[in-house]
Amino acid sequence: MSSTLSRPRAGTATTAVPRIEEVAGAEREPPEREFAGFVKAVGLGVLIGLPLMMAIVGGLVKVAAPDWALGPILGIALWVSIWTGVFLGGTVTVGFWSKRQHASKS
């Protein structure tokens, strides 16, 4: 009696997994074009995320410390937006890019 957890014996493979090229309707983009789309998504995320986070953080600092001058507020907003805006913006747009890539494959 054999268990379902036992290893298959050599030469008894029942079905081969089809290669991606053999699957009907599976047309992949060339790697260069796929990478270009990825880089475009990251760039778009940085271009949107940096100024958006800078405005949000600048507004929050202005509300929290209304007597501060514009220089320190801009400095804090820029520093925080570099870290949060770049990474969060890039992550969000790459997520949208990935969703679009996977949706077009199915």
PDB file of N, CA and C in Angstrom:
ATOM      1  N   MET A   1       0.838  -1.155   0.000  1.00  0.00           N
ATOM      2  CA  MET A   1       0.000   0.000   0.000  1.00  0.00           C
ATOM      3  C   MET A   1       0.897   1.236   0.000  1.00  0.00           C
ATOM      4  N   SER A   2       0.633   2.176  -0.905  1.00  0.00           N
ATOM      5  CA  SER A   2       1.491   3.352  -0.945  1.00  0.00           C
ATOM      6  C   SER A   2       0.739   4.562  -0.412  1.00  0.00           C
ATOM      7  N   SER A   3       1.483   5.443   0.151  1.00  0.00           N
ATOM      8  CA  SER A   3       0.917   6.661   0.717  1.00  0.00           C
ATOM      9  C   SER A   3       0.895   7.754  -0.339  1.00  0.00           C
ATOM     10  N   THR A   4       0.025   8.715  -0.193  1.00  0.00           N
ATOM     11  CA  THR A   4       0.003   9.843  -1.135  1.00  0.00           C
ATOM     12  C   THR A   4       1.184  10.769  -0.908  1.00  0.00           C
ATOM     13  N   LEU A   5       1.851  10.603   0.211  1.00  0.00           N
ATOM     14  CA  LEU A   5       3.010  11.434   0.502  1.00  0.00           C
ATOM     15  C   LEU A   5       4.319  10.796   0.059  1.00  0.00           C
ATOM     16  N   SER A   6       4.275   9.585  -0.453  1.00  0.00           N
ATOM     17  CA  SER A   6       5.510   8.935  -0.868  1.00  0.00           C
ATOM     18  C   SER A   6       6.032   9.565  -2.153  1.00  0.00           C
ATOM     19  N   ARG A   7       7.331   9.483  -2.357  1.00  0.00           N
ATOM     20  CA  ARG A   7       7.957  10.052  -3.541  1.00  0.00           C
ATOM     21  C   ARG A   7       7.640   9.211  -4.769  1.00  0.00           C
ATOM     22  N   PRO A   8       7.456   9.854  -5.902  1.00  0.00           N
ATOM     23  CA  PRO A   8       7.234   9.075  -7.120  1.00  0.00           C
ATOM     24  C   PRO A   8       8.520   8.373  -7.539  1.00  0.00           C
ATOM     25  N   ARG A   9       8.367   7.267  -8.174  1.00  0.00           N
ATOM     26  CA  ARG A   9       9.534   6.522  -8.650  1.00  0.00           C
ATOM     27  C   ARG A   9      10.015   7.124  -9.954  1.00  0.00           C
ATOM     28  N   ALA A  10      11.284   6.980 -10.221  1.00  0.00           N
ATOM     29  CA  ALA A  10      11.877   7.522 -11.441  1.00  0.00           C
ATOM     30  C   ALA A  10      11.210   6.911 -12.659  1.00  0.00           C
ATOM     31  N   GLY A  11      10.911   7.761 -13.630  1.00  0.00           N
ATOM     32  CA  GLY A  11      10.320   7.283 -14.867  1.00  0.00           C
ATOM     33  C   GLY A  11       8.817   7.082 -14.801  1.00  0.00           C
ATOM     34  N   THR A  12       8.174   7.491 -13.719  1.00  0.00           N
ATOM     35  CA  THR A  12       6.727   7.297 -13.608  1.00  0.00           C
ATOM     36  C   THR A  12       5.959   8.608 -13.653  1.00  0.00           C
ATOM     37  N   ALA A  13       6.565   9.627 -14.197  1.00  0.00           N
ATOM     38  CA  ALA A  13       5.877  10.922 -14.278  1.00  0.00           C
ATOM     39  C   ALA A  13       4.667  10.788 -15.185  1.00  0.00           C
ATOM     40  N   THR A  14       3.549  11.299 -14.739  1.00  0.00           N
ATOM     41  CA  THR A  14       2.313  11.148 -15.503  1.00  0.00           C
ATOM     42  C   THR A  14       2.062  12.310 -16.445  1.00  0.00           C
ATOM     43  N   THR A  15       2.316  13.501 -16.004  1.00  0.00           N
ATOM     44  CA  THR A  15       2.044  14.667 -16.829  1.00  0.00           C
ATOM     45  C   THR A  15       3.207  15.638 -16.725  1.00  0.00           C
ATOM     46  N   ALA A  16       3.581  16.178 -17.851  1.00  0.00           N
ATOM     47  CA  ALA A  16       4.632  17.189 -17.853  1.00  0.00           C
ATOM     48  C   ALA A  16       3.980  18.564 -17.772  1.00  0.00           C
ATOM     49  N   VAL A  17       4.617  19.473 -17.087  1.00  0.00           N
ATOM     50  CA  VAL A  17       4.122  20.838 -16.989  1.00  0.00           C
ATOM     51  C   VAL A  17       4.477  21.555 -18.291  1.00  0.00           C
ATOM     52  N   PRO A  18       3.492  22.158 -18.944  1.00  0.00           N
ATOM     53  CA  PRO A  18       3.797  22.823 -20.215  1.00  0.00           C
ATOM     54  C   PRO A  18       4.655  24.056 -20.005  1.00  0.00           C
ATOM     55  N   ARG A  19       5.525  24.318 -20.931  1.00  0.00           N
ATOM     56  CA  ARG A  19       6.346  25.517 -20.876  1.00  0.00           C
ATOM     57  C   ARG A  19       5.474  26.721 -21.173  1.00  0.00           C
ATOM     58  N   ILE A  20       5.906  27.881 -20.731  1.00  0.00           N
ATOM     59  CA  ILE A  20       5.113  29.089 -20.922  1.00  0.00           C
ATOM     60  C   ILE A  20       4.897  29.377 -22.408  1.00  0.00           C
ATOM     61  N   GLU A  21       5.850  29.002 -23.244  1.00  0.00           N
ATOM     62  CA  GLU A  21       5.707  29.239 -24.679  1.00  0.00           C
ATOM     63  C   GLU A  21       4.660  28.319 -25.300  1.00  0.00           C
ATOM     64  N   GLU A  22       4.400  27.176 -24.651  1.00  0.00           N
ATOM     65  CA  GLU A  22       3.471  26.200 -25.192  1.00  0.00           C
ATOM     66  C   GLU A  22       2.026  26.473 -24.791  1.00  0.00           C
ATOM     67  N   VAL A  23       1.795  27.296 -23.803  1.00  0.00           N
ATOM     68  CA  VAL A  23       0.440  27.573 -23.334  1.00  0.00           C
ATOM     69  C   VAL A  23      -0.250  28.455 -24.361  1.00  0.00           C
ATOM     70  N   ALA A  24      -1.447  28.074 -24.732  1.00  0.00           N
ATOM     71  CA  ALA A  24      -2.186  28.814 -25.761  1.00  0.00           C
ATOM     72  C   ALA A  24      -2.508  30.214 -25.270  1.00  0.00           C
ATOM     73  N   GLY A  25      -2.195  31.196 -26.071  1.00  0.00           N
ATOM     74  CA  GLY A  25      -2.527  32.580 -25.765  1.00  0.00           C
ATOM     75  C   GLY A  25      -1.568  33.253 -24.805  1.00  0.00           C
ATOM     76  N   ALA A  26      -0.528  32.585 -24.378  1.00  0.00           N
ATOM     77  CA  ALA A  26       0.419  33.203 -23.446  1.00  0.00           C
ATOM     78  C   ALA A  26       1.500  33.918 -24.240  1.00  0.00           C
ATOM     79  N   GLU A  27       1.318  35.212 -24.376  1.00  0.00           N
ATOM     80  CA  GLU A  27       2.302  36.013 -25.099  1.00  0.00           C
ATOM     81  C   GLU A  27       2.958  36.953 -24.106  1.00  0.00           C
ATOM     82  N   ARG A  28       4.218  36.738 -23.850  1.00  0.00           N
ATOM     83  CA  ARG A  28       4.948  37.575 -22.914  1.00  0.00           C
ATOM     84  C   ARG A  28       5.647  38.697 -23.641  1.00  0.00           C
ATOM     85  N   GLU A  29       5.776  39.814 -22.946  1.00  0.00           N
ATOM     86  CA  GLU A  29       6.548  40.915 -23.501  1.00  0.00           C
ATOM     87  C   GLU A  29       8.015  40.559 -23.422  1.00  0.00           C
ATOM     88  N   PRO A  30       8.820  41.120 -24.317  1.00  0.00           N
ATOM     89  CA  PRO A  30      10.257  40.900 -24.180  1.00  0.00           C
ATOM     90  C   PRO A  30      10.754  41.495 -22.858  1.00  0.00           C
ATOM     91  N   PRO A  31      11.783  40.907 -22.261  1.00  0.00           N
ATOM     92  CA  PRO A  31      12.258  41.395 -20.958  1.00  0.00           C
ATOM     93  C   PRO A  31      12.636  42.867 -20.962  1.00  0.00           C
ATOM     94  N   GLU A  32      13.179  43.368 -22.082  1.00  0.00           N
ATOM     95  CA  GLU A  32      13.579  44.772 -22.126  1.00  0.00           C
ATOM     96  C   GLU A  32      12.365  45.684 -22.014  1.00  0.00           C
ATOM     97  N   ARG A  33      11.275  45.312 -22.693  1.00  0.00           N
ATOM     98  CA  ARG A  33      10.068  46.128 -22.658  1.00  0.00           C
ATOM     99  C   ARG A  33       9.395  46.036 -21.291  1.00  0.00           C
ATOM    100  N   GLU A  34       9.420  44.852 -20.706  1.00  0.00           N
ATOM    101  CA  GLU A  34       8.837  44.675 -19.378  1.00  0.00           C
ATOM    102  C   GLU A  34       9.609  45.491 -18.343  1.00  0.00           C
ATOM    103  N   PHE A  35      10.940  45.502 -18.445  1.00  0.00           N
ATOM    104  CA  PHE A  35      11.761  46.281 -17.524  1.00  0.00           C
ATOM    105  C   PHE A  35      11.523  47.769 -17.713  1.00  0.00           C
ATOM    106  N   ALA A  36      11.356  48.202 -18.959  1.00  0.00           N
ATOM    107  CA  ALA A  36      11.086  49.615 -19.227  1.00  0.00           C
ATOM    108  C   ALA A  36       9.766  50.041 -18.586  1.00  0.00           C
ATOM    109  N   GLY A  37       8.761  49.178 -18.634  1.00  0.00           N
ATOM    110  CA  GLY A  37       7.490  49.485 -17.977  1.00  0.00           C
ATOM    111  C   GLY A  37       7.634  49.573 -16.471  1.00  0.00           C
ATOM    112  N   PHE A  38       8.457  48.695 -15.902  1.00  0.00           N
ATOM    113  CA  PHE A  38       8.722  48.719 -14.466  1.00  0.00           C
ATOM    114  C   PHE A  38       9.414  50.018 -14.061  1.00  0.00           C
ATOM    115  N   VAL A  39      10.432  50.418 -14.824  1.00  0.00           N
ATOM    116  CA  VAL A  39      11.167  51.646 -14.517  1.00  0.00           C
ATOM    117  C   VAL A  39      10.253  52.862 -14.665  1.00  0.00           C
ATOM    118  N   LYS A  40       9.394  52.840 -15.667  1.00  0.00           N
ATOM    119  CA  LYS A  40       8.447  53.944 -15.858  1.00  0.00           C
ATOM    120  C   LYS A  40       7.500  54.043 -14.664  1.00  0.00           C
ATOM    121  N   ALA A  41       7.046  52.899 -14.148  1.00  0.00           N
ATOM    122  CA  ALA A  41       6.152  52.894 -12.983  1.00  0.00           C
ATOM    123  C   ALA A  41       6.857  53.453 -11.755  1.00  0.00           C
ATOM    124  N   VAL A  42       8.117  53.085 -11.546  1.00  0.00           N
ATOM    125  CA  VAL A  42       8.872  53.606 -10.405  1.00  0.00           C
ATOM    126  C   VAL A  42       9.053  55.115 -10.549  1.00  0.00           C
ATOM    127  N   GLY A  43       9.438  55.567 -11.735  1.00  0.00           N
ATOM    128  CA  GLY A  43       9.636  56.999 -11.969  1.00  0.00           C
ATOM    129  C   GLY A  43       8.364  57.797 -11.750  1.00  0.00           C
ATOM    130  N   LEU A  44       7.242  57.272 -12.227  1.00  0.00           N
ATOM    131  CA  LEU A  44       5.970  57.950 -12.031  1.00  0.00           C
ATOM    132  C   LEU A  44       5.625  58.029 -10.543  1.00  0.00           C
ATOM    133  N   GLY A  45       5.890  56.959  -9.823  1.00  0.00           N
ATOM    134  CA  GLY A  45       5.631  56.957  -8.383  1.00  0.00           C
ATOM    135  C   GLY A  45       6.463  57.982  -7.648  1.00  0.00           C
ATOM    136  N   VAL A  46       7.718  58.135  -8.051  1.00  0.00           N
ATOM    137  CA  VAL A  46       8.588  59.128  -7.418  1.00  0.00           C
ATOM    138  C   VAL A  46       8.100  60.538  -7.760  1.00  0.00           C
ATOM    139  N   LEU A  47       7.748  60.765  -9.020  1.00  0.00           N
ATOM    140  CA  LEU A  47       7.287  62.096  -9.436  1.00  0.00           C
ATOM    141  C   LEU A  47       5.978  62.501  -8.762  1.00  0.00           C
ATOM    142  N   ILE A  48       5.132  61.544  -8.455  1.00  0.00           N
ATOM    143  CA  ILE A  48       3.872  61.852  -7.778  1.00  0.00           C
ATOM    144  C   ILE A  48       4.051  61.830  -6.262  1.00  0.00           C
ATOM    145  N   GLY A  49       4.755  60.823  -5.750  1.00  0.00           N
ATOM    146  CA  GLY A  49       4.867  60.621  -4.309  1.00  0.00           C
ATOM    147  C   GLY A  49       5.667  61.689  -3.588  1.00  0.00           C
ATOM    148  N   LEU A  50       6.760  62.149  -4.182  1.00  0.00           N
ATOM    149  CA  LEU A  50       7.616  63.124  -3.504  1.00  0.00           C
ATOM    150  C   LEU A  50       6.892  64.441  -3.243  1.00  0.00           C
ATOM    151  N   PRO A  51       6.332  65.105  -4.250  1.00  0.00           N
ATOM    152  CA  PRO A  51       5.656  66.373  -3.947  1.00  0.00           C
ATOM    153  C   PRO A  51       4.384  66.198  -3.112  1.00  0.00           C
ATOM    154  N   LEU A  52       3.678  65.071  -3.319  1.00  0.00           N
ATOM    155  CA  LEU A  52       2.469  64.838  -2.542  1.00  0.00           C
ATOM    156  C   LEU A  52       2.792  64.684  -1.062  1.00  0.00           C
ATOM    157  N   MET A  53       3.776  63.867  -0.744  1.00  0.00           N
ATOM    158  CA  MET A  53       4.158  63.686   0.658  1.00  0.00           C
ATOM    159  C   MET A  53       4.773  64.956   1.236  1.00  0.00           C
ATOM    160  N   MET A  54       5.482  65.728   0.413  1.00  0.00           N
ATOM    161  CA  MET A  54       6.064  66.981   0.891  1.00  0.00           C
ATOM    162  C   MET A  54       4.956  67.956   1.287  1.00  0.00           C
ATOM    163  N   ALA A  55       3.897  68.015   0.489  1.00  0.00           N
ATOM    164  CA  ALA A  55       2.776  68.895   0.808  1.00  0.00           C
ATOM    165  C   ALA A  55       2.047  68.424   2.065  1.00  0.00           C
ATOM    166  N   ILE A  56       1.849  67.121   2.188  1.00  0.00           N
ATOM    167  CA  ILE A  56       1.147  66.582   3.360  1.00  0.00           C
ATOM    168  C   ILE A  56       1.955  66.836   4.633  1.00  0.00           C
ATOM    169  N   VAL A  57       3.247  66.507   4.594  1.00  0.00           N
ATOM    170  CA  VAL A  57       4.086  66.673   5.789  1.00  0.00           C
ATOM    171  C   VAL A  57       4.261  68.151   6.110  1.00  0.00           C
ATOM    172  N   GLY A  58       4.438  68.979   5.081  1.00  0.00           N
ATOM    173  CA  GLY A  58       4.550  70.422   5.315  1.00  0.00           C
ATOM    174  C   GLY A  58       3.303  70.980   5.972  1.00  0.00           C
ATOM    175  N   GLY A  59       2.144  70.539   5.513  1.00  0.00           N
ATOM    176  CA  GLY A  59       0.895  70.987   6.133  1.00  0.00           C
ATOM    177  C   GLY A  59       0.760  70.514   7.565  1.00  0.00           C
ATOM    178  N   LEU A  60       1.154  69.267   7.823  1.00  0.00           N
ATOM    179  CA  LEU A  60       1.074  68.744   9.193  1.00  0.00           C
ATOM    180  C   LEU A  60       2.029  69.478  10.134  1.00  0.00           C
ATOM    181  N   VAL A  61       3.229  69.781   9.659  1.00  0.00           N
ATOM    182  CA  VAL A  61       4.188  70.501  10.500  1.00  0.00           C
ATOM    183  C   VAL A  61       3.690  71.917  10.748  1.00  0.00           C
ATOM    184  N   LYS A  62       3.115  72.535   9.734  1.00  0.00           N
ATOM    185  CA  LYS A  62       2.592  73.900   9.901  1.00  0.00           C
ATOM    186  C   LYS A  62       1.459  73.926  10.922  1.00  0.00           C
ATOM    187  N   VAL A  63       0.617  72.884  10.925  1.00  0.00           N
ATOM    188  CA  VAL A  63      -0.469  72.811  11.906  1.00  0.00           C
ATOM    189  C   VAL A  63       0.094  72.542  13.302  1.00  0.00           C
ATOM    190  N   ALA A  64       1.106  71.676  13.386  1.00  0.00           N
ATOM    191  CA  ALA A  64       1.675  71.314  14.684  1.00  0.00           C
ATOM    192  C   ALA A  64       2.536  72.424  15.273  1.00  0.00           C
ATOM    193  N   ALA A  65       3.196  73.203  14.415  1.00  0.00           N
ATOM    194  CA  ALA A  65       4.076  74.283  14.898  1.00  0.00           C
ATOM    195  C   ALA A  65       3.816  75.545  14.072  1.00  0.00           C
ATOM    196  N   PRO A  66       2.721  76.234  14.332  1.00  0.00           N
ATOM    197  CA  PRO A  66       2.346  77.381  13.501  1.00  0.00           C
ATOM    198  C   PRO A  66       3.315  78.566  13.588  1.00  0.00           C
ATOM    199  N   ASP A  67       4.131  78.625  14.623  1.00  0.00           N
ATOM    200  CA  ASP A  67       5.036  79.759  14.771  1.00  0.00           C
ATOM    201  C   ASP A  67       6.400  79.529  14.093  1.00  0.00           C
ATOM    202  N   TRP A  68       6.627  78.389  13.478  1.00  0.00           N
ATOM    203  CA  TRP A  68       7.900  78.125  12.804  1.00  0.00           C
ATOM    204  C   TRP A  68       7.988  78.899  11.496  1.00  0.00           C
ATOM    205  N   ALA A  69       9.219  79.197  11.109  1.00  0.00           N
ATOM    206  CA  ALA A  69       9.468  79.865   9.826  1.00  0.00           C
ATOM    207  C   ALA A  69       9.315  78.845   8.688  1.00  0.00           C
ATOM    208  N   LEU A  70       9.288  79.336   7.455  1.00  0.00           N
ATOM    209  CA  LEU A  70       9.081  78.468   6.288  1.00  0.00           C
ATOM    210  C   LEU A  70      10.267  77.532   6.043  1.00  0.00           C
ATOM    211  N   GLY A  71      11.498  77.985   6.326  1.00  0.00           N
ATOM    212  CA  GLY A  71      12.699  77.178   6.079  1.00  0.00           C
ATOM    213  C   GLY A  71      12.703  75.838   6.796  1.00  0.00           C
ATOM    214  N   PRO A  72      12.533  75.832   8.119  1.00  0.00           N
ATOM    215  CA  PRO A  72      12.506  74.549   8.831  1.00  0.00           C
ATOM    216  C   PRO A  72      11.349  73.646   8.404  1.00  0.00           C
ATOM    217  N   ILE A  73      10.217  74.234   8.095  1.00  0.00           N
ATOM    218  CA  ILE A  73       9.070  73.429   7.647  1.00  0.00           C
ATOM    219  C   ILE A  73       9.395  72.751   6.322  1.00  0.00           C
ATOM    220  N   LEU A  74       9.963  73.512   5.384  1.00  0.00           N
ATOM    221  CA  LEU A  74      10.335  72.931   4.088  1.00  0.00           C
ATOM    222  C   LEU A  74      11.422  71.876   4.241  1.00  0.00           C
ATOM    223  N   GLY A  75      12.378  72.121   5.148  1.00  0.00           N
ATOM    224  CA  GLY A  75      13.448  71.147   5.378  1.00  0.00           C
ATOM    225  C   GLY A  75      12.914  69.824   5.903  1.00  0.00           C
ATOM    226  N   ILE A  76      12.039  69.902   6.890  1.00  0.00           N
ATOM    227  CA  ILE A  76      11.448  68.682   7.444  1.00  0.00           C
ATOM    228  C   ILE A  76      10.583  67.993   6.397  1.00  0.00           C
ATOM    229  N   ALA A  77       9.784  68.768   5.687  1.00  0.00           N
ATOM    230  CA  ALA A  77       8.904  68.191   4.673  1.00  0.00           C
ATOM    231  C   ALA A  77       9.709  67.518   3.568  1.00  0.00           C
ATOM    232  N   LEU A  78      10.793  68.146   3.130  1.00  0.00           N
ATOM    233  CA  LEU A  78      11.630  67.558   2.080  1.00  0.00           C
ATOM    234  C   LEU A  78      12.298  66.274   2.573  1.00  0.00           C
ATOM    235  N   TRP A  79      12.862  66.311   3.763  1.00  0.00           N
ATOM    236  CA  TRP A  79      13.561  65.136   4.285  1.00  0.00           C
ATOM    237  C   TRP A  79      12.611  63.940   4.451  1.00  0.00           C
ATOM    238  N   VAL A  80      11.444  64.187   5.017  1.00  0.00           N
ATOM    239  CA  VAL A  80      10.486  63.100   5.219  1.00  0.00           C
ATOM    240  C   VAL A  80       9.948  62.610   3.878  1.00  0.00           C
ATOM    241  N   SER A  81       9.693  63.526   2.942  1.00  0.00           N
ATOM    242  CA  SER A  81       9.136  63.116   1.648  1.00  0.00           C
ATOM    243  C   SER A  81      10.145  62.328   0.822  1.00  0.00           C
ATOM    244  N   ILE A  82      11.422  62.574   1.016  1.00  0.00           N
ATOM    245  CA  ILE A  82      12.430  61.785   0.298  1.00  0.00           C
ATOM    246  C   ILE A  82      12.297  60.314   0.683  1.00  0.00           C
ATOM    247  N   TRP A  83      12.111  60.055   1.951  1.00  0.00           N
ATOM    248  CA  TRP A  83      12.023  58.670   2.403  1.00  0.00           C
ATOM    249  C   TRP A  83      10.644  58.068   2.177  1.00  0.00           C
ATOM    250  N   THR A  84       9.596  58.790   2.535  1.00  0.00           N
ATOM    251  CA  THR A  84       8.264  58.208   2.400  1.00  0.00           C
ATOM    252  C   THR A  84       7.704  58.356   0.994  1.00  0.00           C
ATOM    253  N   GLY A  85       7.852  59.517   0.405  1.00  0.00           N
ATOM    254  CA  GLY A  85       7.283  59.757  -0.921  1.00  0.00           C
ATOM    255  C   GLY A  85       7.894  58.889  -1.996  1.00  0.00           C
ATOM    256  N   VAL A  86       9.212  58.758  -1.971  1.00  0.00           N
ATOM    257  CA  VAL A  86       9.895  57.945  -2.981  1.00  0.00           C
ATOM    258  C   VAL A  86       9.528  56.478  -2.828  1.00  0.00           C
ATOM    259  N   PHE A  87       9.629  55.956  -1.633  1.00  0.00           N
ATOM    260  CA  PHE A  87       9.394  54.528  -1.441  1.00  0.00           C
ATOM    261  C   PHE A  87       7.913  54.167  -1.529  1.00  0.00           C
ATOM    262  N   LEU A  88       7.050  54.957  -0.897  1.00  0.00           N
ATOM    263  CA  LEU A  88       5.624  54.644  -0.966  1.00  0.00           C
ATOM    264  C   LEU A  88       5.066  54.894  -2.362  1.00  0.00           C
ATOM    265  N   GLY A  89       5.453  56.002  -2.966  1.00  0.00           N
ATOM    266  CA  GLY A  89       4.990  56.291  -4.327  1.00  0.00           C
ATOM    267  C   GLY A  89       5.449  55.235  -5.313  1.00  0.00           C
ATOM    268  N   GLY A  90       6.707  54.848  -5.227  1.00  0.00           N
ATOM    269  CA  GLY A  90       7.217  53.797  -6.107  1.00  0.00           C
ATOM    270  C   GLY A  90       6.538  52.467  -5.859  1.00  0.00           C
ATOM    271  N   THR A  91       6.300  52.148  -4.612  1.00  0.00           N
ATOM    272  CA  THR A  91       5.655  50.881  -4.277  1.00  0.00           C
ATOM    273  C   THR A  91       4.222  50.829  -4.797  1.00  0.00           C
ATOM    274  N   VAL A  92       3.499  51.902  -4.636  1.00  0.00           N
ATOM    275  CA  VAL A  92       2.106  51.933  -5.086  1.00  0.00           C
ATOM    276  C   VAL A  92       2.025  51.814  -6.605  1.00  0.00           C
ATOM    277  N   THR A  93       2.831  52.577  -7.329  1.00  0.00           N
ATOM    278  CA  THR A  93       2.748  52.521  -8.791  1.00  0.00           C
ATOM    279  C   THR A  93       3.265  51.196  -9.334  1.00  0.00           C
ATOM    280  N   VAL A  94       4.258  50.598  -8.697  1.00  0.00           N
ATOM    281  CA  VAL A  94       4.716  49.275  -9.128  1.00  0.00           C
ATOM    282  C   VAL A  94       3.636  48.233  -8.843  1.00  0.00           C
ATOM    283  N   GLY A  95       2.895  48.414  -7.762  1.00  0.00           N
ATOM    284  CA  GLY A  95       1.771  47.515  -7.493  1.00  0.00           C
ATOM    285  C   GLY A  95       0.711  47.607  -8.581  1.00  0.00           C
ATOM    286  N   PHE A  96       0.387  48.823  -9.004  1.00  0.00           N
ATOM    287  CA  PHE A  96      -0.572  48.998 -10.103  1.00  0.00           C
ATOM    288  C   PHE A  96      -0.028  48.410 -11.395  1.00  0.00           C
ATOM    289  N   TRP A  97       1.252  48.620 -11.654  1.00  0.00           N
ATOM    290  CA  TRP A  97       1.895  48.071 -12.860  1.00  0.00           C
ATOM    291  C   TRP A  97       1.830  46.541 -12.838  1.00  0.00           C
ATOM    292  N   SER A  98       2.146  45.951 -11.692  1.00  0.00           N
ATOM    293  CA  SER A  98       2.127  44.497 -11.564  1.00  0.00           C
ATOM    294  C   SER A  98       0.717  43.955 -11.752  1.00  0.00           C
ATOM    295  N   LYS A  99      -0.271  44.632 -11.182  1.00  0.00           N
ATOM    296  CA  LYS A  99      -1.656  44.195 -11.350  1.00  0.00           C
ATOM    297  C   LYS A  99      -2.053  44.215 -12.822  1.00  0.00           C
ATOM    298  N   ARG A 100      -1.648  45.254 -13.532  1.00  0.00           N
ATOM    299  CA  ARG A 100      -1.959  45.349 -14.949  1.00  0.00           C
ATOM    300  C   ARG A 100      -1.234  44.256 -15.742  1.00  0.00           C
ATOM    301  N   GLN A 101       0.004  43.951 -15.369  1.00  0.00           N
ATOM    302  CA  GLN A 101       0.769  42.897 -16.036  1.00  0.00           C
ATOM    303  C   GLN A 101       0.098  41.541 -15.845  1.00  0.00           C
ATOM    304  N   HIS A 102      -0.311  41.236 -14.633  1.00  0.00           N
ATOM    305  CA  HIS A 102      -0.913  39.937 -14.341  1.00  0.00           C
ATOM    306  C   HIS A 102      -2.329  39.834 -14.898  1.00  0.00           C
ATOM    307  N   ALA A 103      -3.043  40.938 -14.933  1.00  0.00           N
ATOM    308  CA  ALA A 103      -4.407  40.923 -15.472  1.00  0.00           C
ATOM    309  C   ALA A 103      -4.394  40.675 -16.964  1.00  0.00           C
ATOM    310  N   SER A 104      -3.386  41.170 -17.676  1.00  0.00           N
ATOM    311  CA  SER A 104      -3.320  40.985 -19.114  1.00  0.00           C
ATOM    312  C   SER A 104      -2.877  39.575 -19.478  1.00  0.00           C
ATOM    313  N   LYS A 105      -2.279  38.840 -18.555  1.00  0.00           N
ATOM    314  CA  LYS A 105      -1.807  37.481 -18.820  1.00  0.00           C
ATOM    315  C   LYS A 105      -2.917  36.450 -18.686  1.00  0.00           C
ATOM    316  N   SER A 106      -3.952  36.785 -17.907  1.00  0.00           N
ATOM    317  CA  SER A 106      -4.997  35.773 -17.679  1.00  0.00           C
ATOM    318  C   SER A 106      -6.201  35.969 -18.550  1.00  0.00           C
TER     319      SER A 106
END
